[in-house]
Amino acid sequence: MTTPAAQPPRDRALGRGITTLIPQAAPATPAEQAAAVLTAMRSVPVRVGVLQAAVVLLEERVRATQDEAERAAAATTVAMLRSAIGQAG
């Protein structure tokens, strides 16, 4: 009869240190995340009404935010969405 080999005690939680093995990207800002999603969705069919609703929400964000980077990202996204709406029309 054989007995299983004893496991050495773990001095840290399982999975800890994985970030040292697999490089992690720096945390993305919401604007960077939105840009990545838009890039990925360029070939995904979306109803025009959804794009129009997104434009309205983002235009309000452009008016309301004090953050220049956020304002620029939202304005760029609005322009991209308007272009997509124009191509669909």
Protein backbone atom coordinates (compact mmCIF):
# COMPACT_ATOMS: atom_id res chain seq x y z
CA MET A 1 0.00 0.00 0.00
CA THR A 2 1.34 3.42 -0.95
CA THR A 3 0.62 6.68 0.77
CA PRO A 4 0.39 10.00 -1.02
CA ALA A 5 3.40 12.26 -0.70
CA ALA A 6 2.99 14.92 1.91
CA GLN A 7 2.51 18.39 0.53
CA PRO A 8 4.80 21.03 1.97
CA PRO A 9 2.96 23.66 3.98
CA ARG A 10 2.07 26.77 2.01
CA ASP A 11 3.29 30.01 3.46
CA ARG A 12 1.08 32.07 1.16
CA ALA A 13 -2.37 31.86 -0.42
CA LEU A 14 -2.78 29.71 -3.50
CA GLY A 15 -2.41 31.80 -6.64
CA ARG A 16 -0.50 34.55 -4.94
CA GLY A 17 2.46 35.65 -6.96
CA ILE A 18 0.83 34.91 -10.30
CA THR A 19 1.30 38.55 -11.27
CA THR A 20 5.02 38.04 -11.01
CA LEU A 21 4.79 35.20 -13.51
CA ILE A 22 2.36 36.85 -15.92
CA PRO A 23 3.00 40.53 -16.61
CA GLN A 24 -0.04 42.68 -15.93
CA ALA A 25 -0.93 45.82 -17.83
CA ALA A 26 -1.24 49.02 -15.89
CA PRO A 27 -4.82 49.70 -14.78
CA ALA A 28 -6.72 51.34 -17.60
CA THR A 29 -8.75 54.48 -17.12
CA PRO A 30 -12.45 54.37 -17.99
CA ALA A 31 -11.69 56.36 -21.14
CA GLU A 32 -9.03 53.83 -22.19
CA GLN A 33 -11.44 50.96 -21.50
CA ALA A 34 -14.12 52.65 -23.62
CA ALA A 35 -11.67 53.20 -26.46
CA ALA A 36 -10.66 49.52 -26.35
CA VAL A 37 -14.30 48.41 -26.42
CA LEU A 38 -15.07 50.69 -29.35
CA THR A 39 -12.09 49.35 -31.25
CA ALA A 40 -13.14 45.76 -30.60
CA MET A 41 -16.74 46.45 -31.62
CA ARG A 42 -16.03 48.11 -34.97
CA SER A 43 -17.27 45.02 -36.81
CA VAL A 44 -20.13 44.13 -34.44
CA PRO A 45 -23.64 45.00 -35.65
CA VAL A 46 -25.41 47.38 -33.25
CA ARG A 47 -28.81 49.03 -33.56
CA VAL A 48 -28.66 52.72 -34.45
CA GLY A 49 -30.88 53.58 -31.48
CA VAL A 50 -28.27 52.24 -29.09
CA LEU A 51 -25.62 54.44 -30.72
CA GLN A 52 -27.90 57.47 -30.55
CA ALA A 53 -28.53 56.89 -26.85
CA ALA A 54 -24.81 56.59 -26.22
CA VAL A 55 -24.23 59.88 -28.05
CA VAL A 56 -26.76 61.67 -25.83
CA LEU A 57 -25.18 60.30 -22.65
CA LEU A 58 -21.64 61.10 -23.76
CA GLU A 59 -22.54 64.61 -24.87
CA GLU A 60 -23.87 65.26 -21.38
CA ARG A 61 -20.62 63.91 -19.96
CA VAL A 62 -18.65 66.30 -22.18
CA ARG A 63 -20.65 69.21 -20.74
CA ALA A 64 -20.53 68.05 -17.12
CA THR A 65 -16.96 66.87 -16.55
CA GLN A 66 -14.13 69.05 -15.31
CA ASP A 67 -11.52 66.49 -16.42
CA GLU A 68 -10.00 67.56 -19.74
CA ALA A 69 -8.83 64.05 -20.64
CA GLU A 70 -12.29 62.64 -19.99
CA ARG A 71 -13.89 65.46 -21.98
CA ALA A 72 -11.56 64.82 -24.93
CA ALA A 73 -12.15 61.05 -24.83
CA ALA A 74 -15.93 61.51 -24.65
CA ALA A 75 -15.90 64.03 -27.50
CA THR A 76 -13.80 61.69 -29.64
CA THR A 77 -16.17 58.83 -28.86
CA VAL A 78 -19.17 60.98 -29.80
CA ALA A 79 -17.53 61.77 -33.14
CA MET A 80 -16.86 58.07 -33.76
CA LEU A 81 -20.44 57.15 -32.89
CA ARG A 82 -21.85 59.89 -35.12
CA SER A 83 -19.69 58.59 -37.95
CA ALA A 84 -21.02 55.07 -37.41
CA ILE A 85 -24.59 56.39 -37.35
CA GLY A 86 -23.95 58.25 -40.62
CA GLN A 87 -22.55 55.12 -42.27
CA ALA A 88 -25.57 53.09 -41.15
CA GLY A 89 -28.06 55.68 -42.42
